[in-house]
Amino acid sequence: MAVVEDVKRRTGGRLMDLITTDGYAAYESAILDAYGVTITPPRAGKRGRPRAPYKVAPPGLTYAVVEKTRERGRVVEVATRVVFGTMAAVAAALGLSHVSRAINTSFVERQNGTDRHRNARKARKSYRFSKDWRFHEAVTYLTLYAYNFCWPVRTLVVKDERGRRQPRSPAMAAGLADHVWTMAEWLSMPAVRRC
């Protein structure tokens, strides 16, 4: 619920064209709780307890899941399912997407893999775990920001007007930076505190 609420806060509460997750059942109720519209049934005029209010997905909420079937630790089948919205709405969102044409979780999985690779505290089966949450969070921010601003990504390279390859970081691709930053430049950037 905290993750979904954080996404809603960061996007200003607007509905995204398409939300995709893995098959973890808690996401459905968390998304409905965060974005859902509360319906209060009218009193029926009969004796007894009235029906309790409930939440329904608002028009425009499109959510699909990727469900993997495993046998002996190996993925043998990948299925997709539309939870909120219609298949037509999912197809329309995928048609407008600049990065994907299928329901998938590959972007967040790639980010998680990169995060585990770059942050030794998150490596699996390791003694390098964080004993203090503050340090864990600090190193997470360090690795994520360094990756997004200071690391030229091979798949984001563009060619300039002369045909030369120009390296780009994810922050450049998102329009947040105009060059690949050095670590010294990033670490010396003054922090801005919003009140």
C-alpha atoms as a PDB file:
ATOM      1  CA  MET A   1       0.000   0.000   0.000  1.00  0.00           C
ATOM      2  CA  ALA A   2       2.874   2.370   0.784  1.00  0.00           C
ATOM      3  CA  VAL A   3       4.403   1.847  -2.676  1.00  0.00           C
ATOM      4  CA  VAL A   4       1.128   2.515  -4.501  1.00  0.00           C
ATOM      5  CA  GLU A   5       0.361   5.567  -2.339  1.00  0.00           C
ATOM      6  CA  ASP A   6       3.861   6.898  -3.065  1.00  0.00           C
ATOM      7  CA  VAL A   7       3.337   6.451  -6.821  1.00  0.00           C
ATOM      8  CA  LYS A   8      -0.015   8.247  -6.578  1.00  0.00           C
ATOM      9  CA  ARG A   9       1.577  11.108  -4.638  1.00  0.00           C
ATOM     10  CA  ARG A  10       4.481  11.446  -7.082  1.00  0.00           C
ATOM     11  CA  THR A  11       2.149  11.528 -10.099  1.00  0.00           C
ATOM     12  CA  GLY A  12      -0.194  14.072  -8.538  1.00  0.00           C
ATOM     13  CA  GLY A  13      -3.009  11.544  -8.239  1.00  0.00           C
ATOM     14  CA  ARG A  14      -3.513  11.316 -12.003  1.00  0.00           C
ATOM     15  CA  LEU A  15      -4.414   7.992 -13.541  1.00  0.00           C
ATOM     16  CA  MET A  16      -1.637   6.527 -15.640  1.00  0.00           C
ATOM     17  CA  ASP A  17      -2.401   5.139 -19.087  1.00  0.00           C
ATOM     18  CA  LEU A  18      -1.496   1.636 -17.908  1.00  0.00           C
ATOM     19  CA  ILE A  19      -0.317   0.114 -14.640  1.00  0.00           C
ATOM     20  CA  THR A  20       1.393  -3.276 -14.830  1.00  0.00           C
ATOM     21  CA  THR A  21       2.698  -5.448 -12.002  1.00  0.00           C
ATOM     22  CA  ASP A  22       3.520  -9.045 -11.328  1.00  0.00           C
ATOM     23  CA  GLY A  23       0.828 -11.368  -9.991  1.00  0.00           C
ATOM     24  CA  TYR A  24       1.311 -10.420  -6.327  1.00  0.00           C
ATOM     25  CA  ALA A  25      -2.286 -10.264  -5.057  1.00  0.00           C
ATOM     26  CA  ALA A  26      -1.702  -7.337  -2.673  1.00  0.00           C
ATOM     27  CA  TYR A  27      -1.248  -4.917  -5.601  1.00  0.00           C
ATOM     28  CA  GLU A  28      -4.882  -5.229  -6.697  1.00  0.00           C
ATOM     29  CA  SER A  29      -6.314  -4.177  -3.352  1.00  0.00           C
ATOM     30  CA  ALA A  30      -3.653  -1.481  -2.877  1.00  0.00           C
ATOM     31  CA  ILE A  31      -4.400   0.042  -6.308  1.00  0.00           C
ATOM     32  CA  LEU A  32      -8.145  -0.097  -5.679  1.00  0.00           C
ATOM     33  CA  ASP A  33      -7.668   1.460  -2.237  1.00  0.00           C
ATOM     34  CA  ALA A  34      -5.479   4.289  -3.606  1.00  0.00           C
ATOM     35  CA  TYR A  35      -7.345   5.113  -6.828  1.00  0.00           C
ATOM     36  CA  GLY A  36     -10.805   3.667  -6.227  1.00  0.00           C
ATOM     37  CA  VAL A  37     -14.029   5.629  -5.894  1.00  0.00           C
ATOM     38  CA  THR A  38     -16.065   4.964  -2.750  1.00  0.00           C
ATOM     39  CA  ILE A  39     -19.674   3.943  -3.386  1.00  0.00           C
ATOM     40  CA  THR A  40     -22.126   4.306  -0.521  1.00  0.00           C
ATOM     41  CA  PRO A  41     -25.216   2.164  -1.241  1.00  0.00           C
ATOM     42  CA  PRO A  42     -28.530   3.919  -0.587  1.00  0.00           C
ATOM     43  CA  ARG A  43     -30.617   2.839   2.363  1.00  0.00           C
ATOM     44  CA  ALA A  44     -33.050   0.145   1.297  1.00  0.00           C
ATOM     45  CA  GLY A  45     -35.700   1.170   3.822  1.00  0.00           C
ATOM     46  CA  LYS A  46     -35.658  -2.290   5.329  1.00  0.00           C
ATOM     47  CA  ARG A  47     -34.743  -3.397   8.799  1.00  0.00           C
ATOM     48  CA  GLY A  48     -31.232  -4.501   9.512  1.00  0.00           C
ATOM     49  CA  ARG A  49     -27.761  -3.253   8.926  1.00  0.00           C
ATOM     50  CA  PRO A  50     -27.309  -1.175   5.755  1.00  0.00           C
ATOM     51  CA  ARG A  51     -24.802  -2.277   3.137  1.00  0.00           C
ATOM     52  CA  ALA A  52     -21.275  -1.019   3.830  1.00  0.00           C
ATOM     53  CA  PRO A  53     -19.558   1.430   1.477  1.00  0.00           C
ATOM     54  CA  TYR A  54     -17.167  -0.168  -1.012  1.00  0.00           C
ATOM     55  CA  LYS A  55     -14.660   0.941  -3.624  1.00  0.00           C
ATOM     56  CA  VAL A  56     -14.815   0.479  -7.376  1.00  0.00           C
ATOM     57  CA  ALA A  57     -12.251   1.227 -10.043  1.00  0.00           C
ATOM     58  CA  PRO A  58     -12.833   4.648 -11.614  1.00  0.00           C
ATOM     59  CA  PRO A  59     -13.304   4.972 -15.360  1.00  0.00           C
ATOM     60  CA  GLY A  60      -9.884   5.247 -16.951  1.00  0.00           C
ATOM     61  CA  LEU A  61      -8.047   3.021 -14.468  1.00  0.00           C
ATOM     62  CA  THR A  62      -6.275   0.391 -16.565  1.00  0.00           C
ATOM     63  CA  TYR A  63      -4.330  -2.268 -14.690  1.00  0.00           C
ATOM     64  CA  ALA A  64      -2.903  -5.544 -15.986  1.00  0.00           C
ATOM     65  CA  VAL A  65      -0.749  -8.227 -14.383  1.00  0.00           C
ATOM     66  CA  VAL A  66       1.907 -10.635 -15.558  1.00  0.00           C
ATOM     67  CA  GLU A  67       1.584 -14.066 -13.954  1.00  0.00           C
ATOM     68  CA  LYS A  68       4.433 -16.556 -14.208  1.00  0.00           C
ATOM     69  CA  THR A  69       3.990 -20.285 -13.704  1.00  0.00           C
ATOM     70  CA  ARG A  70       7.061 -22.073 -12.371  1.00  0.00           C
ATOM     71  CA  GLU A  71       8.019 -25.725 -12.239  1.00  0.00           C
ATOM     72  CA  ARG A  72      11.094 -26.764 -10.261  1.00  0.00           C
ATOM     73  CA  GLY A  73      12.226 -23.144 -10.022  1.00  0.00           C
ATOM     74  CA  ARG A  74      11.979 -22.450 -13.767  1.00  0.00           C
ATOM     75  CA  VAL A  75       9.405 -20.277 -15.504  1.00  0.00           C
ATOM     76  CA  VAL A  76       7.397 -22.483 -17.863  1.00  0.00           C
ATOM     77  CA  GLU A  77       4.558 -20.099 -18.743  1.00  0.00           C
ATOM     78  CA  VAL A  78       3.943 -16.349 -18.732  1.00  0.00           C
ATOM     79  CA  ALA A  79       0.321 -15.205 -18.873  1.00  0.00           C
ATOM     80  CA  THR A  80      -1.210 -11.745 -18.736  1.00  0.00           C
ATOM     81  CA  ARG A  81      -4.548 -10.694 -17.297  1.00  0.00           C
ATOM     82  CA  VAL A  82      -6.465  -7.400 -17.285  1.00  0.00           C
ATOM     83  CA  VAL A  83      -7.671  -6.601 -13.759  1.00  0.00           C
ATOM     84  CA  PHE A  84      -9.191  -3.107 -14.128  1.00  0.00           C
ATOM     85  CA  GLY A  85     -10.282  -1.643 -17.443  1.00  0.00           C
ATOM     86  CA  THR A  86     -10.710  -3.462 -20.715  1.00  0.00           C
ATOM     87  CA  MET A  87      -8.397  -5.233 -23.116  1.00  0.00           C
ATOM     88  CA  ALA A  88      -9.193  -2.472 -25.634  1.00  0.00           C
ATOM     89  CA  ALA A  89      -7.958   0.166 -23.148  1.00  0.00           C
ATOM     90  CA  VAL A  90      -4.782  -1.866 -22.538  1.00  0.00           C
ATOM     91  CA  ALA A  91      -4.204  -2.223 -26.284  1.00  0.00           C
ATOM     92  CA  ALA A  92      -4.731   1.536 -26.758  1.00  0.00           C
ATOM     93  CA  ALA A  93      -2.243   2.358 -23.976  1.00  0.00           C
ATOM     94  CA  LEU A  94       0.322  -0.036 -25.438  1.00  0.00           C
ATOM     95  CA  GLY A  95      -0.239   1.449 -28.891  1.00  0.00           C
ATOM     96  CA  LEU A  96       0.626   4.924 -27.546  1.00  0.00           C
ATOM     97  CA  SER A  97       3.661   3.700 -25.613  1.00  0.00           C
ATOM     98  CA  HIS A  98       7.104   4.647 -26.894  1.00  0.00           C
ATOM     99  CA  VAL A  99       8.831   1.841 -24.998  1.00  0.00           C
ATOM    100  CA  SER A 100       6.717  -1.312 -25.041  1.00  0.00           C
ATOM    101  CA  ARG A 101       4.091  -3.152 -27.052  1.00  0.00           C
ATOM    102  CA  ALA A 102       3.303  -5.869 -24.494  1.00  0.00           C
ATOM    103  CA  ILE A 103       2.056  -6.181 -20.924  1.00  0.00           C
ATOM    104  CA  ASN A 104       5.258  -6.765 -18.963  1.00  0.00           C
ATOM    105  CA  THR A 105       7.275  -5.906 -15.869  1.00  0.00           C
ATOM    106  CA  SER A 106      10.642  -5.924 -17.613  1.00  0.00           C
ATOM    107  CA  PHE A 107      11.477  -2.277 -16.838  1.00  0.00           C
ATOM    108  CA  VAL A 108      11.078  -2.582 -13.091  1.00  0.00           C
ATOM    109  CA  GLU A 109      12.806  -5.988 -13.144  1.00  0.00           C
ATOM    110  CA  ARG A 110      15.738  -4.467 -15.057  1.00  0.00           C
ATOM    111  CA  GLN A 111      15.876  -1.598 -12.545  1.00  0.00           C
ATOM    112  CA  ASN A 112      15.820  -4.049  -9.636  1.00  0.00           C
ATOM    113  CA  GLY A 113      18.602  -6.116 -11.230  1.00  0.00           C
ATOM    114  CA  THR A 114      20.704  -3.003 -11.834  1.00  0.00           C
ATOM    115  CA  ASP A 115      20.066  -1.835  -8.275  1.00  0.00           C
ATOM    116  CA  ARG A 116      21.149  -5.197  -6.817  1.00  0.00           C
ATOM    117  CA  HIS A 117      24.229  -5.216  -9.054  1.00  0.00           C
ATOM    118  CA  ARG A 118      25.336  -1.680  -8.172  1.00  0.00           C
ATOM    119  CA  ASN A 119      24.415  -1.796  -4.473  1.00  0.00           C
ATOM    120  CA  ALA A 120      26.261  -4.541  -2.577  1.00  0.00           C
ATOM    121  CA  ARG A 121      23.851  -4.160   0.342  1.00  0.00           C
ATOM    122  CA  LYS A 122      21.100  -5.646  -1.831  1.00  0.00           C
ATOM    123  CA  ALA A 123      23.046  -8.588  -3.255  1.00  0.00           C
ATOM    124  CA  ARG A 124      21.344 -11.907  -2.577  1.00  0.00           C
ATOM    125  CA  LYS A 125      22.863 -14.377  -0.116  1.00  0.00           C
ATOM    126  CA  SER A 126      25.483 -11.926   1.080  1.00  0.00           C
ATOM    127  CA  TYR A 127      26.977 -10.714   4.357  1.00  0.00           C
ATOM    128  CA  ARG A 128      26.949  -7.125   3.112  1.00  0.00           C
ATOM    129  CA  PHE A 129      23.421  -6.366   4.258  1.00  0.00           C
ATOM    130  CA  SER A 130      22.494  -3.088   5.971  1.00  0.00           C
ATOM    131  CA  LYS A 131      22.068  -3.169   9.718  1.00  0.00           C
ATOM    132  CA  ASP A 132      20.656   0.342   9.862  1.00  0.00           C
ATOM    133  CA  TRP A 133      17.757   1.443   7.649  1.00  0.00           C
ATOM    134  CA  ARG A 134      19.135   5.003   7.279  1.00  0.00           C
ATOM    135  CA  PHE A 135      22.389   3.737   5.742  1.00  0.00           C
ATOM    136  CA  HIS A 136      20.504   1.316   3.503  1.00  0.00           C
ATOM    137  CA  GLU A 137      18.278   4.137   2.243  1.00  0.00           C
ATOM    138  CA  ALA A 138      21.264   6.497   1.756  1.00  0.00           C
ATOM    139  CA  VAL A 139      23.199   3.963  -0.334  1.00  0.00           C
ATOM    140  CA  THR A 140      20.053   3.197  -2.340  1.00  0.00           C
ATOM    141  CA  TYR A 141      19.644   6.872  -3.238  1.00  0.00           C
ATOM    142  CA  LEU A 142      23.352   7.160  -4.040  1.00  0.00           C
ATOM    143  CA  THR A 143      23.320   4.221  -6.456  1.00  0.00           C
ATOM    144  CA  LEU A 144      20.027   5.162  -8.110  1.00  0.00           C
ATOM    145  CA  TYR A 145      20.945   8.789  -8.695  1.00  0.00           C
ATOM    146  CA  ALA A 146      24.481   7.920  -9.801  1.00  0.00           C
ATOM    147  CA  TYR A 147      23.069   5.419 -12.299  1.00  0.00           C
ATOM    148  CA  ASN A 148      20.469   7.829 -13.674  1.00  0.00           C
ATOM    149  CA  PHE A 149      22.713  10.906 -13.941  1.00  0.00           C
ATOM    150  CA  CYS A 150      26.312   9.645 -14.162  1.00  0.00           C
ATOM    151  CA  TRP A 151      26.124   6.445 -16.181  1.00  0.00           C
ATOM    152  CA  PRO A 152      25.927   6.552 -19.997  1.00  0.00           C
ATOM    153  CA  VAL A 153      23.653   3.715 -21.060  1.00  0.00           C
ATOM    154  CA  ARG A 154      24.543   1.924 -24.285  1.00  0.00           C
ATOM    155  CA  THR A 155      20.938   1.581 -25.473  1.00  0.00           C
ATOM    156  CA  LEU A 156      20.280   5.317 -25.077  1.00  0.00           C
ATOM    157  CA  VAL A 157      23.056   6.470 -27.435  1.00  0.00           C
ATOM    158  CA  VAL A 158      21.916   8.866 -30.174  1.00  0.00           C
ATOM    159  CA  LYS A 159      23.716  10.178 -33.230  1.00  0.00           C
ATOM    160  CA  ASP A 160      24.306  13.896 -33.663  1.00  0.00           C
ATOM    161  CA  GLU A 161      23.939  15.826 -36.934  1.00  0.00           C
ATOM    162  CA  ARG A 162      27.420  14.684 -38.028  1.00  0.00           C
ATOM    163  CA  GLY A 163      26.615  11.032 -37.386  1.00  0.00           C
ATOM    164  CA  ARG A 164      28.776  10.766 -34.248  1.00  0.00           C
ATOM    165  CA  ARG A 165      27.516   8.667 -31.357  1.00  0.00           C
ATOM    166  CA  GLN A 166      26.540  10.762 -28.342  1.00  0.00           C
ATOM    167  CA  PRO A 167      26.301   8.922 -25.018  1.00  0.00           C
ATOM    168  CA  ARG A 168      23.225   9.626 -22.887  1.00  0.00           C
ATOM    169  CA  SER A 169      22.254   8.857 -19.327  1.00  0.00           C
ATOM    170  CA  PRO A 170      18.681   7.962 -18.297  1.00  0.00           C
ATOM    171  CA  ALA A 171      18.333  11.497 -16.889  1.00  0.00           C
ATOM    172  CA  MET A 172      19.243  12.920 -20.302  1.00  0.00           C
ATOM    173  CA  ALA A 173      16.721  10.652 -22.023  1.00  0.00           C
ATOM    174  CA  ALA A 174      14.053  11.878 -19.572  1.00  0.00           C
ATOM    175  CA  GLY A 175      14.986  15.527 -20.197  1.00  0.00           C
ATOM    176  CA  LEU A 176      16.330  16.083 -16.671  1.00  0.00           C
ATOM    177  CA  ALA A 177      19.959  16.682 -17.653  1.00  0.00           C
ATOM    178  CA  ASP A 178      21.811  18.059 -20.659  1.00  0.00           C
ATOM    179  CA  HIS A 179      24.992  15.998 -20.231  1.00  0.00           C
ATOM    180  CA  VAL A 180      26.341  12.904 -18.478  1.00  0.00           C
ATOM    181  CA  TRP A 181      27.388  14.124 -15.057  1.00  0.00           C
ATOM    182  CA  THR A 182      30.611  13.122 -13.338  1.00  0.00           C
ATOM    183  CA  MET A 183      30.374  11.681  -9.821  1.00  0.00           C
ATOM    184  CA  ALA A 184      32.263  14.729  -8.501  1.00  0.00           C
ATOM    185  CA  GLU A 185      29.776  17.045 -10.206  1.00  0.00           C
ATOM    186  CA  TRP A 186      26.816  15.122  -8.803  1.00  0.00           C
ATOM    187  CA  LEU A 187      28.196  14.866  -5.253  1.00  0.00           C
ATOM    188  CA  SER A 188      29.052  18.572  -5.145  1.00  0.00           C
ATOM    189  CA  MET A 189      25.618  19.684  -6.388  1.00  0.00           C
ATOM    190  CA  PRO A 190      23.929  21.655  -3.594  1.00  0.00           C
ATOM    191  CA  ALA A 191      20.862  20.002  -2.171  1.00  0.00           C
ATOM    192  CA  VAL A 192      17.550  21.813  -2.544  1.00  0.00           C
ATOM    193  CA  ARG A 193      15.121  21.379   0.306  1.00  0.00           C
ATOM    194  CA  ARG A 194      11.420  21.922  -0.398  1.00  0.00           C
ATOM    195  CA  CYS A 195       9.229  23.069   2.460  1.00  0.00           C
END
